[in-house]
C-alpha atoms as a PDB file:
ATOM      1  CA  UNK A   1      85.232 341.998  95.006  1.00  0.00           C
ATOM      2  CA  UNK A   2      85.841 343.551  97.980  1.00  0.00           C
ATOM      3  CA  UNK A   3      83.816 342.376 101.187  1.00  0.00           C
ATOM      4  CA  UNK A   4      82.398 345.677 103.268  1.00  0.00           C
ATOM      5  CA  UNK A   5      80.728 345.195 107.024  1.00  0.00           C
ATOM      6  CA  UNK A   6      78.434 347.923 108.181  1.00  0.00           C
ATOM      7  CA  UNK A   7      78.367 347.871 111.717  1.00  0.00           C
ATOM      8  CA  UNK A   8      75.322 350.550 112.543  1.00  0.00           C
ATOM      9  CA  UNK A   9      71.559 349.594 110.917  1.00  0.00           C
ATOM     10  CA  UNK A  10      69.188 352.310 110.365  1.00  0.00           C
ATOM     11  CA  UNK A  11      69.020 355.119 107.901  1.00  0.00           C
ATOM     12  CA  UNK A  12      72.842 355.185 107.920  1.00  0.00           C
ATOM     13  CA  UNK A  13      73.133 351.913 106.793  1.00  0.00           C
ATOM     14  CA  UNK A  14      70.705 352.271 103.933  1.00  0.00           C
ATOM     15  CA  UNK A  15      72.043 355.711 102.546  1.00  0.00           C
ATOM     16  CA  UNK A  16      75.966 353.890 102.252  1.00  0.00           C
ATOM     17  CA  UNK A  17      73.660 350.486 100.942  1.00  0.00           C
ATOM     18  CA  UNK A  18      72.395 352.792  98.388  1.00  0.00           C
ATOM     19  CA  UNK A  19      75.632 354.211  96.896  1.00  0.00           C
ATOM     20  CA  UNK A  20      77.714 351.045  96.847  1.00  0.00           C
ATOM     21  CA  UNK A  21      74.990 349.952  94.701  1.00  0.00           C
ATOM     22  CA  UNK A  22      76.895 351.260  91.951  1.00  0.00           C
ATOM     23  CA  UNK A  23      79.864 348.833  93.193  1.00  0.00           C
ATOM     24  CA  UNK A  24      82.106 345.578  93.525  1.00  0.00           C
ATOM     25  CA  UNK A  25      81.185 344.694  96.696  1.00  0.00           C
ATOM     26  CA  UNK A  26      79.676 342.389  98.622  1.00  0.00           C
ATOM     27  CA  UNK A  27      77.654 343.775 101.466  1.00  0.00           C
ATOM     28  CA  UNK A  28      76.921 343.052 104.516  1.00  0.00           C
ATOM     29  CA  UNK A  29      75.438 344.909 107.892  1.00  0.00           C
ATOM     30  CA  UNK A  30      75.111 343.649 111.204  1.00  0.00           C
ATOM     31  CA  UNK A  31      72.016 345.500 113.355  1.00  0.00           C
ATOM     32  CA  UNK A  32      71.722 345.999 116.725  1.00  0.00           C
ATOM     33  CA  UNK A  33      69.493 344.393 119.062  1.00  0.00           C
ATOM     34  CA  UNK A  34      68.292 346.759 121.104  1.00  0.00           C
ATOM     35  CA  UNK A  35      65.747 349.255 119.445  1.00  0.00           C
ATOM     36  CA  UNK A  36      62.423 349.680 121.474  1.00  0.00           C
ATOM     37  CA  UNK A  37      61.412 352.635 119.471  1.00  0.00           C
ATOM     38  CA  UNK A  38      57.986 353.659 117.853  1.00  0.00           C
ATOM     39  CA  UNK A  39      56.127 350.838 115.270  1.00  0.00           C
ATOM     40  CA  UNK A  40      59.750 348.609 115.955  1.00  0.00           C
ATOM     41  CA  UNK A  41      59.382 349.013 119.946  1.00  0.00           C
ATOM     42  CA  UNK A  42      54.808 348.420 119.816  1.00  0.00           C
ATOM     43  CA  UNK A  43      55.862 345.005 118.149  1.00  0.00           C
ATOM     44  CA  UNK A  44      58.605 343.891 120.527  1.00  0.00           C
ATOM     45  CA  UNK A  45      56.501 344.600 123.257  1.00  0.00           C
ATOM     46  CA  UNK A  46      53.407 342.730 121.882  1.00  0.00           C
ATOM     47  CA  UNK A  47      54.346 339.677 120.090  1.00  0.00           C
ATOM     48  CA  UNK A  48      57.995 338.956 121.631  1.00  0.00           C
ATOM     49  CA  UNK A  49      59.757 339.496 117.919  1.00  0.00           C
ATOM     50  CA  UNK A  50      63.239 340.562 117.246  1.00  0.00           C
ATOM     51  CA  UNK A  51      63.506 344.245 116.185  1.00  0.00           C
ATOM     52  CA  UNK A  52      62.460 344.576 113.123  1.00  0.00           C
ATOM     53  CA  UNK A  53      62.670 347.950 111.957  1.00  0.00           C
ATOM     54  CA  UNK A  54      66.638 348.449 110.819  1.00  0.00           C
ATOM     55  CA  UNK A  55      66.280 345.437 109.026  1.00  0.00           C
ATOM     56  CA  UNK A  56      63.790 346.217 107.546  1.00  0.00           C
ATOM     57  CA  UNK A  57      65.683 349.264 105.809  1.00  0.00           C
ATOM     58  CA  UNK A  58      68.593 347.852 105.360  1.00  0.00           C
ATOM     59  CA  UNK A  59      66.882 344.788 103.330  1.00  0.00           C
ATOM     60  CA  UNK A  60      65.336 347.389 101.292  1.00  0.00           C
ATOM     61  CA  UNK A  61      68.850 348.909 101.029  1.00  0.00           C
ATOM     62  CA  UNK A  62      70.452 345.611  99.728  1.00  0.00           C
ATOM     63  CA  UNK A  63      67.326 344.984  97.642  1.00  0.00           C
ATOM     64  CA  UNK A  64      66.740 344.732  93.704  1.00  0.00           C
ATOM     65  CA  UNK A  65      63.332 343.627  93.998  1.00  0.00           C
ATOM     66  CA  UNK A  66      60.477 345.634  92.201  1.00  0.00           C
ATOM     67  CA  UNK A  67      60.132 349.139  93.385  1.00  0.00           C
ATOM     68  CA  UNK A  68      56.331 348.770  93.859  1.00  0.00           C
ATOM     69  CA  UNK A  69      57.871 345.572  96.747  1.00  0.00           C
ATOM     70  CA  UNK A  70      61.002 347.848  97.746  1.00  0.00           C
ATOM     71  CA  UNK A  71      57.856 350.350  98.420  1.00  0.00           C
ATOM     72  CA  UNK A  72      55.219 348.294 100.146  1.00  0.00           C
ATOM     73  CA  UNK A  73      57.892 347.542 103.084  1.00  0.00           C
ATOM     74  CA  UNK A  74      58.636 351.368 103.423  1.00  0.00           C
ATOM     75  CA  UNK A  75      54.910 352.006 103.416  1.00  0.00           C
ATOM     76  CA  UNK A  76      53.458 353.585 106.738  1.00  0.00           C
ATOM     77  CA  UNK A  77      50.030 352.975 107.505  1.00  0.00           C
ATOM     78  CA  UNK A  78      48.624 356.472 108.268  1.00  0.00           C
ATOM     79  CA  UNK A  79      44.741 355.431 109.816  1.00  0.00           C
ATOM     80  CA  UNK A  80      43.675 352.880 112.644  1.00  0.00           C
ATOM     81  CA  UNK A  81      44.916 350.716 114.717  1.00  0.00           C
ATOM     82  CA  UNK A  82      47.715 350.175 112.379  1.00  0.00           C
ATOM     83  CA  UNK A  83      48.420 353.958 112.336  1.00  0.00           C
ATOM     84  CA  UNK A  84      52.096 354.471 112.404  1.00  0.00           C
ATOM     85  CA  UNK A  85      53.054 350.591 111.842  1.00  0.00           C
ATOM     86  CA  UNK A  86      55.638 349.756 108.574  1.00  0.00           C
ATOM     87  CA  UNK A  87      54.238 347.140 106.647  1.00  0.00           C
ATOM     88  CA  UNK A  88      57.929 345.608 105.903  1.00  0.00           C
ATOM     89  CA  UNK A  89      58.058 345.778 109.697  1.00  0.00           C
ATOM     90  CA  UNK A  90      54.838 343.461 109.846  1.00  0.00           C
ATOM     91  CA  UNK A  91      56.239 340.848 107.457  1.00  0.00           C
ATOM     92  CA  UNK A  92      59.332 340.442 109.314  1.00  0.00           C
ATOM     93  CA  UNK A  93      57.794 339.309 112.590  1.00  0.00           C
ATOM     94  CA  UNK A  94      54.947 337.604 110.833  1.00  0.00           C
ATOM     95  CA  UNK A  95      57.368 336.106 109.374  1.00  0.00           C
ATOM     96  CA  UNK A  96      59.636 335.254 112.947  1.00  0.00           C
ATOM     97  CA  UNK A  97      56.632 334.108 113.860  1.00  0.00           C
ATOM     98  CA  UNK A  98      56.035 331.193 111.070  1.00  0.00           C
ATOM     99  CA  UNK A  99      59.159 330.492 110.455  1.00  0.00           C
ATOM    100  CA  UNK A 100      60.632 330.194 114.198  1.00  0.00           C
ATOM    101  CA  UNK A 101      63.570 332.717 114.957  1.00  0.00           C
ATOM    102  CA  UNK A 102      64.633 335.790 113.510  1.00  0.00           C
ATOM    103  CA  UNK A 103      67.549 334.647 111.057  1.00  0.00           C
ATOM    104  CA  UNK A 104      65.086 332.459 109.653  1.00  0.00           C
ATOM    105  CA  UNK A 105      62.513 335.635 108.938  1.00  0.00           C
ATOM    106  CA  UNK A 106      65.371 337.605 107.320  1.00  0.00           C
ATOM    107  CA  UNK A 107      66.614 335.138 105.063  1.00  0.00           C
ATOM    108  CA  UNK A 108      62.350 334.850 103.761  1.00  0.00           C
ATOM    109  CA  UNK A 109      62.165 338.396 103.538  1.00  0.00           C
ATOM    110  CA  UNK A 110      65.486 338.606 101.727  1.00  0.00           C
ATOM    111  CA  UNK A 111      63.618 335.954  99.004  1.00  0.00           C
ATOM    112  CA  UNK A 112      60.714 338.445  98.652  1.00  0.00           C
ATOM    113  CA  UNK A 113      64.083 340.881  98.259  1.00  0.00           C
ATOM    114  CA  UNK A 114      65.558 339.538  96.116  1.00  0.00           C
ATOM    115  CA  UNK A 115      67.823 340.915  98.456  1.00  0.00           C
ATOM    116  CA  UNK A 116      72.517 340.697  97.410  1.00  0.00           C
ATOM    117  CA  UNK A 117      74.657 340.645 100.604  1.00  0.00           C
ATOM    118  CA  UNK A 118      73.278 339.995 103.705  1.00  0.00           C
ATOM    119  CA  UNK A 119      71.777 341.506 107.583  1.00  0.00           C
ATOM    120  CA  UNK A 120      72.854 340.053 110.368  1.00  0.00           C
ATOM    121  CA  UNK A 121      70.629 340.781 113.858  1.00  0.00           C
ATOM    122  CA  UNK A 122      74.210 341.425 116.248  1.00  0.00           C
ATOM    123  CA  UNK A 123      72.422 338.738 118.533  1.00  0.00           C
ATOM    124  CA  UNK A 124      69.688 336.175 117.737  1.00  0.00           C
ATOM    125  CA  UNK A 125      67.784 337.539 121.106  1.00  0.00           C
ATOM    126  CA  UNK A 126      65.938 340.675 122.394  1.00  0.00           C
ATOM    127  CA  UNK A 127      68.840 343.098 124.548  1.00  0.00           C
ATOM    128  CA  UNK A 128      68.030 346.162 126.796  1.00  0.00           C
ATOM    129  CA  UNK A 129      70.394 348.810 126.158  1.00  0.00           C
ATOM    130  CA  UNK A 130      71.095 351.305 129.415  1.00  0.00           C
ATOM    131  CA  UNK A 131      72.966 354.529 129.430  1.00  0.00           C
ATOM    132  CA  UNK A 132      74.548 355.754 133.077  1.00  0.00           C
ATOM    133  CA  UNK A 133      75.332 359.282 133.335  1.00  0.00           C
ATOM    134  CA  UNK A 134      77.766 361.208 134.630  1.00  0.00           C
ATOM    135  CA  UNK A 135      76.124 361.657 137.756  1.00  0.00           C
ATOM    136  CA  UNK A 136      74.977 357.640 138.027  1.00  0.00           C
ATOM    137  CA  UNK A 137      71.373 357.999 136.715  1.00  0.00           C
ATOM    138  CA  UNK A 138      70.591 355.448 134.481  1.00  0.00           C
ATOM    139  CA  UNK A 139      68.431 355.620 131.227  1.00  0.00           C
ATOM    140  CA  UNK A 140      66.494 352.415 130.522  1.00  0.00           C
ATOM    141  CA  UNK A 141      65.376 351.519 126.404  1.00  0.00           C
ATOM    142  CA  UNK A 142      67.492 353.009 123.616  1.00  0.00           C
ATOM    143  CA  UNK A 143      63.893 354.765 122.213  1.00  0.00           C
ATOM    144  CA  UNK A 144      64.771 356.957 125.776  1.00  0.00           C
ATOM    145  CA  UNK A 145      68.621 357.712 125.210  1.00  0.00           C
ATOM    146  CA  UNK A 146      67.219 357.974 121.987  1.00  0.00           C
ATOM    147  CA  UNK A 147      64.475 360.551 122.448  1.00  0.00           C
ATOM    148  CA  UNK A 148      66.299 362.984 125.165  1.00  0.00           C
ATOM    149  CA  UNK A 149      66.863 366.875 125.036  1.00  0.00           C
ATOM    150  CA  UNK A 150      69.997 368.259 123.847  1.00  0.00           C
ATOM    151  CA  UNK A 151      72.097 368.326 127.589  1.00  0.00           C
ATOM    152  CA  UNK A 152      75.058 370.922 128.512  1.00  0.00           C
ATOM    153  CA  UNK A 153      75.190 369.918 132.003  1.00  0.00           C
ATOM    154  CA  UNK A 154      79.072 367.955 132.015  1.00  0.00           C
ATOM    155  CA  UNK A 155      76.478 365.638 134.816  1.00  0.00           C
ATOM    156  CA  UNK A 156      74.198 364.626 132.791  1.00  0.00           C
ATOM    157  CA  UNK A 157      76.392 363.039 129.835  1.00  0.00           C
ATOM    158  CA  UNK A 158      76.173 360.069 129.309  1.00  0.00           C
ATOM    159  CA  UNK A 159      79.116 358.290 130.826  1.00  0.00           C
ATOM    160  CA  UNK A 160      79.047 354.516 130.133  1.00  0.00           C
ATOM    161  CA  UNK A 161      76.905 352.013 129.260  1.00  0.00           C
ATOM    162  CA  UNK A 162      75.376 348.282 129.684  1.00  0.00           C
ATOM    163  CA  UNK A 163      73.461 345.881 127.017  1.00  0.00           C
ATOM    164  CA  UNK A 164      71.382 342.678 128.463  1.00  0.00           C
ATOM    165  CA  UNK A 165      71.294 340.050 128.811  1.00  0.00           C
ATOM    166  CA  UNK A 166      74.506 339.260 127.910  1.00  0.00           C
ATOM    167  CA  UNK A 167      73.471 337.086 125.096  1.00  0.00           C
ATOM    168  CA  UNK A 168      76.902 336.147 122.893  1.00  0.00           C
ATOM    169  CA  UNK A 169      77.642 337.127 119.136  1.00  0.00           C
ATOM    170  CA  UNK A 170      75.379 336.125 116.080  1.00  0.00           C
ATOM    171  CA  UNK A 171      78.084 333.323 114.874  1.00  0.00           C
ATOM    172  CA  UNK A 172      77.158 334.934 111.415  1.00  0.00           C
ATOM    173  CA  UNK A 173      78.305 338.281 112.430  1.00  0.00           C
ATOM    174  CA  UNK A 174      81.422 337.310 114.320  1.00  0.00           C
ATOM    175  CA  UNK A 175      82.107 335.490 110.630  1.00  0.00           C
ATOM    176  CA  UNK A 176      81.700 338.551 108.656  1.00  0.00           C
ATOM    177  CA  UNK A 177      84.250 339.882 110.796  1.00  0.00           C
ATOM    178  CA  UNK A 178      86.814 338.494 110.398  1.00  0.00           C
ATOM    179  CA  UNK A 179      86.541 337.449 107.137  1.00  0.00           C
ATOM    180  CA  UNK A 180      85.883 341.345 106.141  1.00  0.00           C
ATOM    181  CA  UNK A 181      87.958 343.403 104.080  1.00  0.00           C
ATOM    182  CA  UNK A 182      86.741 347.304 105.029  1.00  0.00           C
ATOM    183  CA  UNK A 183      84.580 347.082 108.478  1.00  0.00           C
ATOM    184  CA  UNK A 184      82.745 350.697 108.972  1.00  0.00           C
ATOM    185  CA  UNK A 185      80.907 352.178 111.862  1.00  0.00           C
ATOM    186  CA  UNK A 186      77.920 353.943 110.647  1.00  0.00           C
ATOM    187  CA  UNK A 187      77.038 356.582 109.379  1.00  0.00           C
ATOM    188  CA  UNK A 188      74.139 356.563 112.345  1.00  0.00           C
ATOM    189  CA  UNK A 189      73.735 357.621 115.359  1.00  0.00           C
ATOM    190  CA  UNK A 190      76.533 356.842 117.974  1.00  0.00           C
ATOM    191  CA  UNK A 191      75.382 355.510 120.988  1.00  0.00           C
ATOM    192  CA  UNK A 192      72.076 353.977 119.823  1.00  0.00           C
ATOM    193  CA  UNK A 193      72.950 352.580 116.610  1.00  0.00           C
ATOM    194  CA  UNK A 194      76.733 352.196 116.617  1.00  0.00           C
ATOM    195  CA  UNK A 195      77.771 351.381 119.671  1.00  0.00           C
ATOM    196  CA  UNK A 196      75.524 348.387 121.115  1.00  0.00           C
ATOM    197  CA  UNK A 197      76.261 346.447 119.298  1.00  0.00           C
ATOM    198  CA  UNK A 198      80.474 346.279 120.340  1.00  0.00           C
ATOM    199  CA  UNK A 199      78.666 345.733 123.980  1.00  0.00           C
ATOM    200  CA  UNK A 200      77.850 341.884 122.631  1.00  0.00           C
ATOM    201  CA  UNK A 201      79.562 339.157 123.584  1.00  0.00           C
ATOM    202  CA  UNK A 202      81.866 338.926 120.874  1.00  0.00           C
ATOM    203  CA  UNK A 203      82.264 340.795 118.654  1.00  0.00           C
ATOM    204  CA  UNK A 204      84.959 343.658 119.406  1.00  0.00           C
ATOM    205  CA  UNK A 205      86.629 340.384 119.602  1.00  0.00           C
ATOM    206  CA  UNK A 206      86.144 339.525 116.309  1.00  0.00           C
ATOM    207  CA  UNK A 207      87.131 343.067 115.038  1.00  0.00           C
ATOM    208  CA  UNK A 208      90.593 342.589 116.616  1.00  0.00           C
ATOM    209  CA  UNK A 209      91.578 339.448 115.176  1.00  0.00           C
ATOM    210  CA  UNK A 210      90.008 340.680 111.916  1.00  0.00           C
ATOM    211  CA  UNK A 211      92.698 342.189 108.837  1.00  0.00           C
ATOM    212  CA  UNK A 212      89.962 344.503 107.757  1.00  0.00           C
ATOM    213  CA  UNK A 213      90.097 348.476 107.791  1.00  0.00           C
ATOM    214  CA  UNK A 214      88.527 349.936 111.104  1.00  0.00           C
ATOM    215  CA  UNK A 215      86.577 352.545 109.296  1.00  0.00           C
ATOM    216  CA  UNK A 216      84.296 355.990 111.262  1.00  0.00           C
ATOM    217  CA  UNK A 217      81.357 357.807 108.902  1.00  0.00           C
ATOM    218  CA  UNK A 218      81.060 360.395 112.034  1.00  0.00           C
ATOM    219  CA  UNK A 219      77.421 362.510 112.100  1.00  0.00           C
ATOM    220  CA  UNK A 220      77.077 365.487 109.951  1.00  0.00           C
ATOM    221  CA  UNK A 221      75.477 366.919 113.389  1.00  0.00           C
ATOM    222  CA  UNK A 222      75.632 366.010 117.087  1.00  0.00           C
ATOM    223  CA  UNK A 223      73.020 364.867 118.162  1.00  0.00           C
ATOM    224  CA  UNK A 224      71.109 366.352 121.035  1.00  0.00           C
ATOM    225  CA  UNK A 225      71.229 364.050 124.527  1.00  0.00           C
ATOM    226  CA  UNK A 226      74.320 361.719 123.458  1.00  0.00           C
ATOM    227  CA  UNK A 227      76.745 364.123 121.154  1.00  0.00           C
ATOM    228  CA  UNK A 228      76.716 367.913 121.768  1.00  0.00           C
ATOM    229  CA  UNK A 229      79.217 369.817 121.646  1.00  0.00           C
ATOM    230  CA  UNK A 230      81.249 366.533 120.205  1.00  0.00           C
ATOM    231  CA  UNK A 231      83.120 367.300 117.274  1.00  0.00           C
ATOM    232  CA  UNK A 232      84.877 364.428 114.513  1.00  0.00           C
ATOM    233  CA  UNK A 233      88.275 363.865 117.200  1.00  0.00           C
ATOM    234  CA  UNK A 234      84.930 363.186 119.988  1.00  0.00           C
ATOM    235  CA  UNK A 235      83.526 360.817 117.674  1.00  0.00           C
ATOM    236  CA  UNK A 236      86.750 358.433 117.149  1.00  0.00           C
ATOM    237  CA  UNK A 237      87.828 358.876 120.748  1.00  0.00           C
ATOM    238  CA  UNK A 238      84.357 357.195 121.910  1.00  0.00           C
ATOM    239  CA  UNK A 239      84.645 354.526 119.506  1.00  0.00           C
ATOM    240  CA  UNK A 240      87.835 353.460 120.465  1.00  0.00           C
ATOM    241  CA  UNK A 241      86.916 353.210 123.837  1.00  0.00           C
ATOM    242  CA  UNK A 242      84.233 350.497 123.215  1.00  0.00           C
ATOM    243  CA  UNK A 243      87.076 348.971 120.748  1.00  0.00           C
ATOM    244  CA  UNK A 244      89.162 345.920 121.616  1.00  0.00           C
ATOM    245  CA  UNK A 245      93.404 346.071 120.883  1.00  0.00           C
ATOM    246  CA  UNK A 246      92.740 346.817 117.648  1.00  0.00           C
ATOM    247  CA  UNK A 247      91.227 350.914 117.300  1.00  0.00           C
ATOM    248  CA  UNK A 248      89.927 353.339 114.366  1.00  0.00           C
ATOM    249  CA  UNK A 249      92.565 353.331 111.348  1.00  0.00           C
ATOM    250  CA  UNK A 250      90.587 355.622 109.261  1.00  0.00           C
ATOM    251  CA  UNK A 251      87.823 358.269 109.967  1.00  0.00           C
ATOM    252  CA  UNK A 252      85.573 360.196 107.295  1.00  0.00           C
ATOM    253  CA  UNK A 253      84.597 363.324 108.390  1.00  0.00           C
ATOM    254  CA  UNK A 254      82.384 365.927 106.352  1.00  0.00           C
ATOM    255  CA  UNK A 255      84.326 369.114 105.901  1.00  0.00           C
ATOM    256  CA  UNK A 256      80.799 371.119 104.545  1.00  0.00           C
ATOM    257  CA  UNK A 257      78.728 372.964 105.847  1.00  0.00           C
ATOM    258  CA  UNK A 258      74.781 372.434 105.442  1.00  0.00           C
ATOM    259  CA  UNK A 259      72.795 375.450 104.406  1.00  0.00           C
ATOM    260  CA  UNK A 260      71.704 378.048 106.771  1.00  0.00           C
ATOM    261  CA  UNK A 261      67.799 376.798 106.713  1.00  0.00           C
ATOM    262  CA  UNK A 262      68.973 373.569 107.667  1.00  0.00           C
ATOM    263  CA  UNK A 263      71.340 373.975 110.106  1.00  0.00           C
ATOM    264  CA  UNK A 264      68.643 376.893 112.148  1.00  0.00           C
ATOM    265  CA  UNK A 265      65.895 373.666 112.712  1.00  0.00           C
ATOM    266  CA  UNK A 266      68.930 371.637 114.205  1.00  0.00           C
ATOM    267  CA  UNK A 267      69.212 374.761 116.563  1.00  0.00           C
ATOM    268  CA  UNK A 268      66.005 374.889 117.880  1.00  0.00           C
ATOM    269  CA  UNK A 269      66.545 371.374 117.777  1.00  0.00           C
ATOM    270  CA  UNK A 270      69.502 371.554 119.955  1.00  0.00           C
ATOM    271  CA  UNK A 271      72.168 370.253 117.491  1.00  0.00           C
ATOM    272  CA  UNK A 272      74.531 372.453 115.598  1.00  0.00           C
ATOM    273  CA  UNK A 273      76.992 371.062 113.196  1.00  0.00           C
ATOM    274  CA  UNK A 274      80.223 368.212 113.947  1.00  0.00           C
ATOM    275  CA  UNK A 275      83.690 370.416 113.378  1.00  0.00           C
ATOM    276  CA  UNK A 276      85.801 368.393 111.435  1.00  0.00           C
ATOM    277  CA  UNK A 277      89.512 367.714 113.291  1.00  0.00           C
ATOM    278  CA  UNK A 278      92.224 367.228 109.808  1.00  0.00           C
ATOM    279  CA  UNK A 279      94.282 365.405 111.951  1.00  0.00           C
ATOM    280  CA  UNK A 280      94.438 362.941 114.466  1.00  0.00           C
ATOM    281  CA  UNK A 281      97.134 360.947 115.856  1.00  0.00           C
ATOM    282  CA  UNK A 282      97.401 357.181 114.894  1.00  0.00           C
ATOM    283  CA  UNK A 283      94.399 357.974 112.530  1.00  0.00           C
ATOM    284  CA  UNK A 284      93.929 358.415 108.960  1.00  0.00           C
ATOM    285  CA  UNK A 285      91.415 361.246 108.574  1.00  0.00           C
ATOM    286  CA  UNK A 286      89.535 362.053 104.951  1.00  0.00           C
ATOM    287  CA  UNK A 287      87.929 365.215 105.347  1.00  0.00           C
ATOM    288  CA  UNK A 288      85.275 365.296 102.103  1.00  0.00           C
ATOM    289  CA  UNK A 289      81.678 367.713 101.552  1.00  0.00           C
ATOM    290  CA  UNK A 290      79.231 364.948 101.757  1.00  0.00           C
ATOM    291  CA  UNK A 291      75.930 366.909 102.998  1.00  0.00           C
ATOM    292  CA  UNK A 292      73.628 364.925 100.208  1.00  0.00           C
ATOM    293  CA  UNK A 293      70.925 367.847  98.415  1.00  0.00           C
ATOM    294  CA  UNK A 294      68.109 365.972  99.667  1.00  0.00           C
ATOM    295  CA  UNK A 295      66.468 366.983 102.290  1.00  0.00           C
ATOM    296  CA  UNK A 296      65.000 364.308 104.483  1.00  0.00           C
ATOM    297  CA  UNK A 297      60.773 364.909 104.917  1.00  0.00           C
ATOM    298  CA  UNK A 298      59.406 362.002 107.562  1.00  0.00           C
ATOM    299  CA  UNK A 299      55.986 361.447 107.899  1.00  0.00           C
ATOM    300  CA  UNK A 300      53.744 362.671 109.975  1.00  0.00           C
ATOM    301  CA  UNK A 301      52.673 359.537 110.935  1.00  0.00           C
ATOM    302  CA  UNK A 302      56.049 358.825 112.632  1.00  0.00           C
ATOM    303  CA  UNK A 303      56.701 359.849 115.892  1.00  0.00           C
ATOM    304  CA  UNK A 304      60.188 358.999 115.910  1.00  0.00           C
ATOM    305  CA  UNK A 305      62.709 361.896 115.855  1.00  0.00           C
ATOM    306  CA  UNK A 306      64.783 361.052 112.050  1.00  0.00           C
ATOM    307  CA  UNK A 307      67.398 363.216 110.650  1.00  0.00           C
ATOM    308  CA  UNK A 308      66.435 366.204 108.309  1.00  0.00           C
ATOM    309  CA  UNK A 309      69.883 365.650 106.805  1.00  0.00           C
ATOM    310  CA  UNK A 310      71.874 362.434 104.902  1.00  0.00           C
ATOM    311  CA  UNK A 311      75.667 361.701 103.959  1.00  0.00           C
ATOM    312  CA  UNK A 312      76.104 361.503 100.077  1.00  0.00           C
ATOM    313  CA  UNK A 313      76.007 358.104  99.162  1.00  0.00           C
ATOM    314  CA  UNK A 314      77.072 357.733  96.389  1.00  0.00           C
ATOM    315  CA  UNK A 315      80.521 360.078  97.544  1.00  0.00           C
ATOM    316  CA  UNK A 316      80.834 358.033 100.652  1.00  0.00           C
ATOM    317  CA  UNK A 317      80.492 354.794  99.076  1.00  0.00           C
ATOM    318  CA  UNK A 318      83.428 355.430  96.582  1.00  0.00           C
ATOM    319  CA  UNK A 319      85.534 356.599  99.309  1.00  0.00           C
ATOM    320  CA  UNK A 320      85.339 353.786 101.381  1.00  0.00           C
ATOM    321  CA  UNK A 321      85.218 351.531  98.054  1.00  0.00           C
ATOM    322  CA  UNK A 322      88.468 352.942  97.602  1.00  0.00           C
ATOM    323  CA  UNK A 323      90.491 352.765 100.249  1.00  0.00           C
END
């Protein structure tokens, strides 16, 4: 059985996990500790808990529980003081308070959801994520970075990233990376889902000593304010910048242009199709048609920006399994 470690979390990890359920794999997801937007941000600020949103999505992705229980964890309240919150986020926050920590909360939620595999917070305490632009300006907070508008001026593009406090990595996350057969970065937002994990002390060092294949799944579309104008080669370049001595050896790139209607909607938001680069020095490029036929419709009570398009989970999982 292959040990696959996904570094990222959120919707991208959930999509990949949905496909990997069809294969003989032991799946682990390492989730960022820096999320501070939406329901997650409110619970973090008001209760001082670890950001629960990505943990919830990945737990549901690994769940073999009754469908109604998974629906419960993903249910989003529409009215009253809980409007915008998901039930699963509240349950995880309550479990953290009653069990004494995020690890025990995730373990208990995993039992409730009959999880196969594991979801690991990259650190055991919340962190603060900061982007430093080419002009020296700082954008503080994952949510503020995530909700930026499209940027075309080079001075306002992201130059580097910081994470505070400089908390050590979760020992279980380090062990998972060291014993992995395949480490998958993404799919997910490059700057706010994938890279925050690589800033944590001990993570890139664990990747360095691991014998695993190091795989990046590039985005389908650019992210306004983060990856404006990126082609697939630029994704590889940025991830390699934050890795240690061992760089990516494989990149999985979507070659399928989305439907015109979707492209128009994305263009209105300042996003565009990530142009595939067919060959890269030192990196194996796998090109495939990876756009799912399903178009995501978010709840009107969900205040965060969400991607309309998703990767084809079955096709992506098969490519990764066959590496």
